[in-house]
Amino acid sequence: MKADNFSLQSYLNRIGFHRDAKADIATLAEIMRSQLFTVPFENLDVQAGKIVSLVPEEIVDKIINRKRGGYCYEVNGLFAMALEALGVSYQFVAARPMFYPVKRPKTHMAIVLTIDNEKWLCDLGFGSYGIRAPIALCQLDIEIRQDHDLFMLSKITEHEYLLKAFVDGDWTNQFAFNLSEQEWIDFMPANYLNSTHPDAIFVQKLLVLIHNADGKKILLGDTLKTISKGEVTIETIASDQRASILENHFGLDIGS
C-alpha cells in the first residue's frame, strides 16, 4: 500500500511516536497502539453524505494533514503504508462481521503481517471491541489480555479464523477471516456499501471512537460512552454540544 504523499516521519509525528521505528513486532505493536490512541475511528464523511475515498493520497491528506480519522479501510490502509515504508511483509484480509443475527458479507478489512516467519493479526478499525495490539495467529483458544480487554482467536474451519471479545461476561463473536489475500481494489464494493447502504450502521448513525490506556470513548449518535478500567459512564449529548465533544474528546475539527 503506497501513496505518493506518504512520509513515514510525518505519520510517526501524527501518531506521537517519537522513537526509532523498527521492523520488529514489539515496535510495530507500539506503533499500532500509538495510532489507536491518536487517530479516531469515525464516519463523519458518511454522515455528511459522502462516499469515503479510497484514493491513498486522499487518505494521507485526510488523516495526517487534516488530522481526521476514518473507518477500517482508511485507518488500516494508513497503517499498511507505514508497514510498507518499514519493509514489513503484510496482506489485507476480508473479514466477515459475526455479531449480527444473520450472515453478513465480508465488509471489514484487517491486516495480517509476517515477522520472522510468524503471522500476526493487526486491526485498527473495528470499532468498539477492536484489538489493541497484534495477535499471533498461532495463539489459538487462549485468553489474550490487552489492557482491560480480553480477546480470543480460534479456528472454526481448517482455513478460517474467528476473533472473539469478552463482553459483559460472555465471549462474543467479532469477525471471521481467512488468509486469502485481497488487493486494495477488492474493498471498493464493500466501501461503497458501507458509505451508502441504508442498513449500514455508518449510514444510520454517527460513530466515533478513540482508544486510550484505560479504555476508550465512544460517541454513537447522541450518546457518549466512556469506558475506563472496566467502568462505564454514559451521557446524552445535545446537538449543540456535538462539535465541542468531537474536538475535546476525539481531537476532531468538524470543519476540516
C-alpha atoms as a PDB file:
ATOM      1  CA  MET A   1       0.000   0.000   0.000  1.00  0.00           C
ATOM      2  CA  LYS A   2       1.659   3.203  -1.180  1.00  0.00           C
ATOM      3  CA  ALA A   3       0.790   6.860  -1.585  1.00  0.00           C
ATOM      4  CA  ASP A   4       2.935   9.462  -3.308  1.00  0.00           C
ATOM      5  CA  ASN A   5       2.436  11.907  -0.428  1.00  0.00           C
ATOM      6  CA  PHE A   6       3.092   9.448   2.417  1.00  0.00           C
ATOM      7  CA  SER A   7       6.042  10.225   4.665  1.00  0.00           C
ATOM      8  CA  LEU A   8       6.891   7.778   7.437  1.00  0.00           C
ATOM      9  CA  GLN A   9       8.200  10.595   9.624  1.00  0.00           C
ATOM     10  CA  SER A  10       5.027  12.647   9.129  1.00  0.00           C
ATOM     11  CA  TYR A  11       2.979   9.584  10.026  1.00  0.00           C
ATOM     12  CA  LEU A  12       5.010   8.946  13.177  1.00  0.00           C
ATOM     13  CA  ASN A  13       4.670  12.613  14.152  1.00  0.00           C
ATOM     14  CA  ARG A  14       0.902  12.415  13.624  1.00  0.00           C
ATOM     15  CA  ILE A  15       0.563   9.445  15.988  1.00  0.00           C
ATOM     16  CA  GLY A  16       3.034  10.797  18.539  1.00  0.00           C
ATOM     17  CA  PHE A  17       5.607   8.041  18.100  1.00  0.00           C
ATOM     18  CA  HIS A  18       8.996   9.587  18.793  1.00  0.00           C
ATOM     19  CA  ARG A  19      11.357   6.613  18.960  1.00  0.00           C
ATOM     20  CA  ASP A  20      13.193   4.648  16.299  1.00  0.00           C
ATOM     21  CA  ALA A  21      10.721   2.797  14.109  1.00  0.00           C
ATOM     22  CA  LYS A  22      11.989  -0.745  13.681  1.00  0.00           C
ATOM     23  CA  ALA A  23      10.566  -3.684  11.776  1.00  0.00           C
ATOM     24  CA  ASP A  24      10.108  -5.929  14.816  1.00  0.00           C
ATOM     25  CA  ILE A  25       6.845  -6.994  16.428  1.00  0.00           C
ATOM     26  CA  ALA A  26       7.420  -5.132  19.689  1.00  0.00           C
ATOM     27  CA  THR A  27       7.917  -1.833  17.863  1.00  0.00           C
ATOM     28  CA  LEU A  28       5.022  -2.475  15.486  1.00  0.00           C
ATOM     29  CA  ALA A  29       2.762  -3.165  18.464  1.00  0.00           C
ATOM     30  CA  GLU A  30       3.735   0.215  19.934  1.00  0.00           C
ATOM     31  CA  ILE A  31       3.116   1.953  16.607  1.00  0.00           C
ATOM     32  CA  MET A  32      -0.302   0.295  16.330  1.00  0.00           C
ATOM     33  CA  ARG A  33      -1.132   1.377  19.868  1.00  0.00           C
ATOM     34  CA  SER A  34       0.040   4.933  19.194  1.00  0.00           C
ATOM     35  CA  GLN A  35      -2.210   5.183  16.151  1.00  0.00           C
ATOM     36  CA  LEU A  36      -5.201   3.813  18.058  1.00  0.00           C
ATOM     37  CA  PHE A  37      -4.668   6.435  20.766  1.00  0.00           C
ATOM     38  CA  THR A  38      -4.405   9.387  18.366  1.00  0.00           C
ATOM     39  CA  VAL A  39      -6.376   8.606  15.195  1.00  0.00           C
ATOM     40  CA  PRO A  40     -10.076   8.111  15.897  1.00  0.00           C
ATOM     41  CA  PHE A  41     -12.332   5.616  14.196  1.00  0.00           C
ATOM     42  CA  GLU A  42     -15.002   7.866  12.701  1.00  0.00           C
ATOM     43  CA  ASN A  43     -17.644   8.092   9.978  1.00  0.00           C
ATOM     44  CA  LEU A  44     -18.132  11.852   9.710  1.00  0.00           C
ATOM     45  CA  ASP A  45     -17.819  11.794   5.907  1.00  0.00           C
ATOM     46  CA  VAL A  46     -20.516   9.135   5.561  1.00  0.00           C
ATOM     47  CA  GLN A  47     -22.777  11.116   7.877  1.00  0.00           C
ATOM     48  CA  ALA A  48     -22.192  14.133   5.644  1.00  0.00           C
ATOM     49  CA  GLY A  49     -23.499  12.143   2.657  1.00  0.00           C
ATOM     50  CA  LYS A  50     -20.074  11.473   1.112  1.00  0.00           C
ATOM     51  CA  ILE A  51     -18.670   8.231  -0.255  1.00  0.00           C
ATOM     52  CA  VAL A  52     -15.432   7.587   1.610  1.00  0.00           C
ATOM     53  CA  SER A  53     -12.447   7.960  -0.703  1.00  0.00           C
ATOM     54  CA  LEU A  54     -10.076   5.020  -1.054  1.00  0.00           C
ATOM     55  CA  VAL A  55      -7.543   7.046  -3.034  1.00  0.00           C
ATOM     56  CA  PRO A  56      -4.384   6.513  -0.953  1.00  0.00           C
ATOM     57  CA  GLU A  57      -3.176  10.103  -1.307  1.00  0.00           C
ATOM     58  CA  GLU A  58      -6.547  11.393  -0.097  1.00  0.00           C
ATOM     59  CA  ILE A  59      -6.383   9.117   2.951  1.00  0.00           C
ATOM     60  CA  VAL A  60      -2.950  10.544   3.800  1.00  0.00           C
ATOM     61  CA  ASP A  61      -4.196  14.100   3.380  1.00  0.00           C
ATOM     62  CA  LYS A  62      -7.295  13.436   5.486  1.00  0.00           C
ATOM     63  CA  ILE A  63      -5.666  11.675   8.441  1.00  0.00           C
ATOM     64  CA  ILE A  64      -2.134  13.095   8.534  1.00  0.00           C
ATOM     65  CA  ASN A  65      -2.503  16.591   7.124  1.00  0.00           C
ATOM     66  CA  ARG A  66      -6.047  17.417   8.299  1.00  0.00           C
ATOM     67  CA  LYS A  67      -5.818  15.332  11.494  1.00  0.00           C
ATOM     68  CA  ARG A  68      -9.036  13.466  10.849  1.00  0.00           C
ATOM     69  CA  GLY A  69      -9.775   9.806  11.494  1.00  0.00           C
ATOM     70  CA  GLY A  70     -11.542   7.237   9.381  1.00  0.00           C
ATOM     71  CA  TYR A  71     -13.090   3.818   9.294  1.00  0.00           C
ATOM     72  CA  CYS A  72     -11.446   0.440   8.649  1.00  0.00           C
ATOM     73  CA  TYR A  73     -10.190   0.906   5.084  1.00  0.00           C
ATOM     74  CA  GLU A  74      -8.697   4.288   5.884  1.00  0.00           C
ATOM     75  CA  VAL A  75      -7.033   3.600   9.234  1.00  0.00           C
ATOM     76  CA  ASN A  76      -5.809   0.133   8.258  1.00  0.00           C
ATOM     77  CA  GLY A  77      -4.730   1.474   4.878  1.00  0.00           C
ATOM     78  CA  LEU A  78      -2.645   4.143   6.598  1.00  0.00           C
ATOM     79  CA  PHE A  79      -1.054   1.552   8.894  1.00  0.00           C
ATOM     80  CA  ALA A  80      -0.266  -0.557   5.810  1.00  0.00           C
ATOM     81  CA  MET A  81       1.574   2.405   4.302  1.00  0.00           C
ATOM     82  CA  ALA A  82       3.770   2.511   7.406  1.00  0.00           C
ATOM     83  CA  LEU A  83       4.395  -1.243   7.147  1.00  0.00           C
ATOM     84  CA  GLU A  84       5.366  -0.778   3.507  1.00  0.00           C
ATOM     85  CA  ALA A  85       7.776   2.027   4.412  1.00  0.00           C
ATOM     86  CA  LEU A  86       9.351  -0.178   7.088  1.00  0.00           C
ATOM     87  CA  GLY A  87       9.729  -3.109   4.712  1.00  0.00           C
ATOM     88  CA  VAL A  88       7.315  -5.353   6.618  1.00  0.00           C
ATOM     89  CA  SER A  89       5.534  -8.095   4.668  1.00  0.00           C
ATOM     90  CA  TYR A  90       1.738  -7.962   5.056  1.00  0.00           C
ATOM     91  CA  GLN A  91      -1.525  -8.748   3.333  1.00  0.00           C
ATOM     92  CA  PHE A  92      -5.037  -7.380   3.506  1.00  0.00           C
ATOM     93  CA  VAL A  93      -7.765  -9.839   4.521  1.00  0.00           C
ATOM     94  CA  ALA A  94     -11.509  -9.527   4.048  1.00  0.00           C
ATOM     95  CA  ALA A  95     -13.358 -10.200   7.296  1.00  0.00           C
ATOM     96  CA  ARG A  96     -16.996 -11.063   7.951  1.00  0.00           C
ATOM     97  CA  PRO A  97     -18.587  -9.269  10.938  1.00  0.00           C
ATOM     98  CA  MET A  98     -20.033 -12.023  13.124  1.00  0.00           C
ATOM     99  CA  PHE A  99     -22.112 -10.232  15.749  1.00  0.00           C
ATOM    100  CA  TYR A 100     -25.216  -9.773  13.579  1.00  0.00           C
ATOM    101  CA  PRO A 101     -28.208 -12.144  13.906  1.00  0.00           C
ATOM    102  CA  VAL A 102     -27.969 -13.008  10.195  1.00  0.00           C
ATOM    103  CA  LYS A 103     -24.988 -13.701   7.958  1.00  0.00           C
ATOM    104  CA  ARG A 104     -23.399 -10.556   6.552  1.00  0.00           C
ATOM    105  CA  PRO A 105     -20.914 -10.059   3.694  1.00  0.00           C
ATOM    106  CA  LYS A 106     -17.181  -9.625   4.245  1.00  0.00           C
ATOM    107  CA  THR A 107     -17.231  -5.863   4.570  1.00  0.00           C
ATOM    108  CA  HIS A 108     -14.436  -5.436   7.115  1.00  0.00           C
ATOM    109  CA  MET A 109     -10.745  -5.074   6.287  1.00  0.00           C
ATOM    110  CA  ALA A 110      -7.940  -6.302   8.535  1.00  0.00           C
ATOM    111  CA  ILE A 111      -4.212  -6.881   8.089  1.00  0.00           C
ATOM    112  CA  VAL A 112      -2.066  -9.959   8.596  1.00  0.00           C
ATOM    113  CA  LEU A 113       1.637  -9.157   8.756  1.00  0.00           C
ATOM    114  CA  THR A 114       4.598 -11.519   8.792  1.00  0.00           C
ATOM    115  CA  ILE A 115       7.635 -11.070  11.032  1.00  0.00           C
ATOM    116  CA  ASP A 116      10.316 -13.776  11.354  1.00  0.00           C
ATOM    117  CA  ASN A 117       8.038 -16.250   9.568  1.00  0.00           C
ATOM    118  CA  GLU A 118       5.233 -15.699  12.097  1.00  0.00           C
ATOM    119  CA  LYS A 119       1.879 -14.228  11.096  1.00  0.00           C
ATOM    120  CA  TRP A 120       0.115 -11.625  13.227  1.00  0.00           C
ATOM    121  CA  LEU A 121      -3.402 -10.192  13.008  1.00  0.00           C
ATOM    122  CA  CYS A 122      -3.481  -6.387  13.150  1.00  0.00           C
ATOM    123  CA  ASP A 123      -6.613  -4.278  13.034  1.00  0.00           C
ATOM    124  CA  LEU A 124      -7.003  -0.590  13.840  1.00  0.00           C
ATOM    125  CA  GLY A 125     -10.538  -0.129  12.597  1.00  0.00           C
ATOM    126  CA  PHE A 126     -13.127  -2.486  14.052  1.00  0.00           C
ATOM    127  CA  GLY A 127     -14.684  -0.069  16.499  1.00  0.00           C
ATOM    128  CA  SER A 128     -15.958  -0.839  19.986  1.00  0.00           C
ATOM    129  CA  TYR A 129     -14.313  -4.235  20.521  1.00  0.00           C
ATOM    130  CA  GLY A 130     -11.308  -3.996  18.240  1.00  0.00           C
ATOM    131  CA  ILE A 131      -7.970  -5.437  19.269  1.00  0.00           C
ATOM    132  CA  ARG A 132      -5.361  -3.108  20.730  1.00  0.00           C
ATOM    133  CA  ALA A 133      -2.188  -4.983  19.736  1.00  0.00           C
ATOM    134  CA  PRO A 134      -1.155  -7.622  17.180  1.00  0.00           C
ATOM    135  CA  ILE A 135      -2.288 -11.187  17.885  1.00  0.00           C
ATOM    136  CA  ALA A 136      -0.186 -14.095  16.605  1.00  0.00           C
ATOM    137  CA  LEU A 137      -2.230 -16.496  14.504  1.00  0.00           C
ATOM    138  CA  CYS A 138      -0.668 -19.362  16.435  1.00  0.00           C
ATOM    139  CA  GLN A 139      -2.211 -18.086  19.691  1.00  0.00           C
ATOM    140  CA  LEU A 140      -5.380 -20.143  19.418  1.00  0.00           C
ATOM    141  CA  ASP A 141      -8.073 -20.713  22.044  1.00  0.00           C
ATOM    142  CA  ILE A 142      -6.318 -18.835  24.825  1.00  0.00           C
ATOM    143  CA  GLU A 143      -7.351 -15.664  26.631  1.00  0.00           C
ATOM    144  CA  ILE A 144      -5.351 -12.697  25.385  1.00  0.00           C
ATOM    145  CA  ARG A 145      -5.463  -9.670  27.673  1.00  0.00           C
ATOM    146  CA  GLN A 146      -4.852  -6.278  26.113  1.00  0.00           C
ATOM    147  CA  ASP A 147      -5.088  -3.571  28.775  1.00  0.00           C
ATOM    148  CA  HIS A 148      -8.568  -4.092  30.258  1.00  0.00           C
ATOM    149  CA  ASP A 149      -9.954  -6.105  27.333  1.00  0.00           C
ATOM    150  CA  LEU A 150      -9.920  -9.844  26.698  1.00  0.00           C
ATOM    151  CA  PHE A 151      -9.777 -11.468  23.257  1.00  0.00           C
ATOM    152  CA  MET A 152      -9.539 -14.979  21.884  1.00  0.00           C
ATOM    153  CA  LEU A 153      -8.613 -16.221  18.430  1.00  0.00           C
ATOM    154  CA  SER A 154      -9.991 -19.594  17.290  1.00  0.00           C
ATOM    155  CA  LYS A 155     -10.271 -21.586  14.102  1.00  0.00           C
ATOM    156  CA  ILE A 156     -13.781 -22.520  13.001  1.00  0.00           C
ATOM    157  CA  THR A 157     -12.649 -24.424   9.915  1.00  0.00           C
ATOM    158  CA  GLU A 158      -9.282 -25.581   8.653  1.00  0.00           C
ATOM    159  CA  HIS A 159      -8.666 -22.232   6.981  1.00  0.00           C
ATOM    160  CA  GLU A 160     -10.946 -19.773   8.801  1.00  0.00           C
ATOM    161  CA  TYR A 161     -10.154 -17.821  11.957  1.00  0.00           C
ATOM    162  CA  LEU A 162     -12.644 -16.261  14.377  1.00  0.00           C
ATOM    163  CA  LEU A 163     -11.898 -13.342  16.690  1.00  0.00           C
ATOM    164  CA  LYS A 164     -13.938 -13.145  19.883  1.00  0.00           C
ATOM    165  CA  ALA A 165     -14.084 -10.499  22.614  1.00  0.00           C
ATOM    166  CA  PHE A 166     -15.188 -10.936  26.221  1.00  0.00           C
ATOM    167  CA  VAL A 167     -18.187  -8.635  26.545  1.00  0.00           C
ATOM    168  CA  ASP A 168     -20.480  -8.368  29.573  1.00  0.00           C
ATOM    169  CA  GLY A 169     -19.346 -11.686  30.988  1.00  0.00           C
ATOM    170  CA  ASP A 170     -19.520 -13.730  27.785  1.00  0.00           C
ATOM    171  CA  TRP A 171     -17.418 -14.453  24.710  1.00  0.00           C
ATOM    172  CA  THR A 172     -18.901 -12.606  21.734  1.00  0.00           C
ATOM    173  CA  ASN A 173     -18.011 -13.268  18.094  1.00  0.00           C
ATOM    174  CA  GLN A 174     -16.475 -10.240  16.367  1.00  0.00           C
ATOM    175  CA  PHE A 175     -15.255 -11.203  12.887  1.00  0.00           C
ATOM    176  CA  ALA A 176     -14.054 -14.172  10.843  1.00  0.00           C
ATOM    177  CA  PHE A 177     -11.391 -14.223   8.133  1.00  0.00           C
ATOM    178  CA  ASN A 178      -9.125 -16.497   6.141  1.00  0.00           C
ATOM    179  CA  LEU A 179      -5.740 -15.919   4.547  1.00  0.00           C
ATOM    180  CA  SER A 180      -6.994 -15.402   1.020  1.00  0.00           C
ATOM    181  CA  GLU A 181      -5.002 -12.311   0.066  1.00  0.00           C
ATOM    182  CA  GLN A 182      -7.013  -9.269  -1.006  1.00  0.00           C
ATOM    183  CA  GLU A 183      -5.919  -6.335  -3.130  1.00  0.00           C
ATOM    184  CA  TRP A 184      -6.794  -2.766  -2.231  1.00  0.00           C
ATOM    185  CA  ILE A 185      -9.226  -2.513  -5.122  1.00  0.00           C
ATOM    186  CA  ASP A 186     -11.150  -5.538  -3.807  1.00  0.00           C
ATOM    187  CA  PHE A 187     -12.567  -3.414  -0.979  1.00  0.00           C
ATOM    188  CA  MET A 188     -14.185  -0.807  -3.213  1.00  0.00           C
ATOM    189  CA  PRO A 189     -17.615  -2.538  -3.362  1.00  0.00           C
ATOM    190  CA  ALA A 190     -17.673  -3.013   0.426  1.00  0.00           C
ATOM    191  CA  ASN A 191     -16.634   0.606   0.922  1.00  0.00           C
ATOM    192  CA  TYR A 192     -19.467   1.768  -1.334  1.00  0.00           C
ATOM    193  CA  LEU A 193     -21.922  -0.372   0.642  1.00  0.00           C
ATOM    194  CA  ASN A 194     -20.690   0.973   3.984  1.00  0.00           C
ATOM    195  CA  SER A 195     -20.840   4.558   2.678  1.00  0.00           C
ATOM    196  CA  THR A 196     -24.308   4.390   1.117  1.00  0.00           C
ATOM    197  CA  HIS A 197     -26.473   1.407   2.088  1.00  0.00           C
ATOM    198  CA  PRO A 198     -29.339   2.280   4.474  1.00  0.00           C
ATOM    199  CA  ASP A 199     -28.668  -0.892   6.504  1.00  0.00           C
ATOM    200  CA  ALA A 200     -25.041   0.083   7.161  1.00  0.00           C
ATOM    201  CA  ILE A 201     -24.502   1.357  10.696  1.00  0.00           C
ATOM    202  CA  PHE A 202     -22.214   4.073   9.326  1.00  0.00           C
ATOM    203  CA  VAL A 203     -25.121   5.472   7.311  1.00  0.00           C
ATOM    204  CA  GLN A 204     -27.589   5.127  10.168  1.00  0.00           C
ATOM    205  CA  LYS A 205     -25.636   6.761  12.991  1.00  0.00           C
ATOM    206  CA  LEU A 206     -22.656   8.892  13.832  1.00  0.00           C
ATOM    207  CA  LEU A 207     -19.921   6.647  15.252  1.00  0.00           C
ATOM    208  CA  VAL A 208     -16.671   7.987  16.663  1.00  0.00           C
ATOM    209  CA  LEU A 209     -14.248   6.042  18.877  1.00  0.00           C
ATOM    210  CA  ILE A 210     -10.820   6.671  20.353  1.00  0.00           C
ATOM    211  CA  HIS A 211      -8.776   4.270  22.469  1.00  0.00           C
ATOM    212  CA  ASN A 212      -6.655   5.201  25.477  1.00  0.00           C
ATOM    213  CA  ALA A 213      -4.570   3.313  28.025  1.00  0.00           C
ATOM    214  CA  ASP A 214      -7.522   2.872  30.403  1.00  0.00           C
ATOM    215  CA  GLY A 215     -10.199   2.062  27.836  1.00  0.00           C
ATOM    216  CA  LYS A 216     -11.993   4.045  25.167  1.00  0.00           C
ATOM    217  CA  LYS A 217     -14.524   6.745  24.407  1.00  0.00           C
ATOM    218  CA  ILE A 218     -17.390   6.096  22.011  1.00  0.00           C
ATOM    219  CA  LEU A 219     -19.835   8.586  20.541  1.00  0.00           C
ATOM    220  CA  LEU A 220     -22.784   6.752  18.981  1.00  0.00           C
ATOM    221  CA  GLY A 221     -25.488   9.065  17.764  1.00  0.00           C
ATOM    222  CA  ASP A 222     -26.185  11.331  20.715  1.00  0.00           C
ATOM    223  CA  THR A 223     -24.718   9.013  23.354  1.00  0.00           C
ATOM    224  CA  LEU A 224     -21.195   9.432  24.713  1.00  0.00           C
ATOM    225  CA  LYS A 225     -19.889   6.301  26.449  1.00  0.00           C
ATOM    226  CA  THR A 226     -16.663   6.396  28.433  1.00  0.00           C
ATOM    227  CA  ILE A 227     -15.095   3.064  29.398  1.00  0.00           C
ATOM    228  CA  SER A 228     -12.270   3.415  31.914  1.00  0.00           C
ATOM    229  CA  LYS A 229     -10.686   0.424  33.674  1.00  0.00           C
ATOM    230  CA  GLY A 230     -13.850  -1.552  33.089  1.00  0.00           C
ATOM    231  CA  GLU A 231     -16.165   1.129  34.480  1.00  0.00           C
ATOM    232  CA  VAL A 232     -18.749   2.610  32.108  1.00  0.00           C
ATOM    233  CA  THR A 233     -20.310   6.060  32.175  1.00  0.00           C
ATOM    234  CA  ILE A 234     -22.931   7.212  29.690  1.00  0.00           C
ATOM    235  CA  GLU A 235     -24.236  10.678  28.923  1.00  0.00           C
ATOM    236  CA  THR A 236     -26.607  12.095  26.349  1.00  0.00           C
ATOM    237  CA  ILE A 237     -25.196  14.811  24.108  1.00  0.00           C
ATOM    238  CA  ALA A 238     -27.319  17.683  22.810  1.00  0.00           C
ATOM    239  CA  SER A 239     -26.904  18.577  19.140  1.00  0.00           C
ATOM    240  CA  ASP A 240     -25.284  21.917  20.000  1.00  0.00           C
ATOM    241  CA  GLN A 241     -22.638  20.081  22.073  1.00  0.00           C
ATOM    242  CA  ARG A 242     -21.504  17.759  19.297  1.00  0.00           C
ATOM    243  CA  ALA A 243     -18.796  19.984  17.829  1.00  0.00           C
ATOM    244  CA  SER A 244     -17.131  20.594  21.193  1.00  0.00           C
ATOM    245  CA  ILE A 245     -17.380  16.890  22.131  1.00  0.00           C
ATOM    246  CA  LEU A 246     -15.723  15.890  18.851  1.00  0.00           C
ATOM    247  CA  GLU A 247     -12.920  18.385  19.393  1.00  0.00           C
ATOM    248  CA  ASN A 248     -12.325  17.933  23.118  1.00  0.00           C
ATOM    249  CA  HIS A 249     -12.761  14.160  23.403  1.00  0.00           C
ATOM    250  CA  PHE A 250     -11.673  12.949  19.966  1.00  0.00           C
ATOM    251  CA  GLY A 251      -9.409  15.706  18.624  1.00  0.00           C
ATOM    252  CA  LEU A 252     -11.650  16.267  15.599  1.00  0.00           C
ATOM    253  CA  ASP A 253     -12.435  19.610  13.996  1.00  0.00           C
ATOM    254  CA  ILE A 254     -15.614  19.033  12.006  1.00  0.00           C
ATOM    255  CA  GLY A 255     -14.677  21.931   9.781  1.00  0.00           C
ATOM    256  CA  SER A 256     -11.577  20.126   8.491  1.00  0.00           C
END
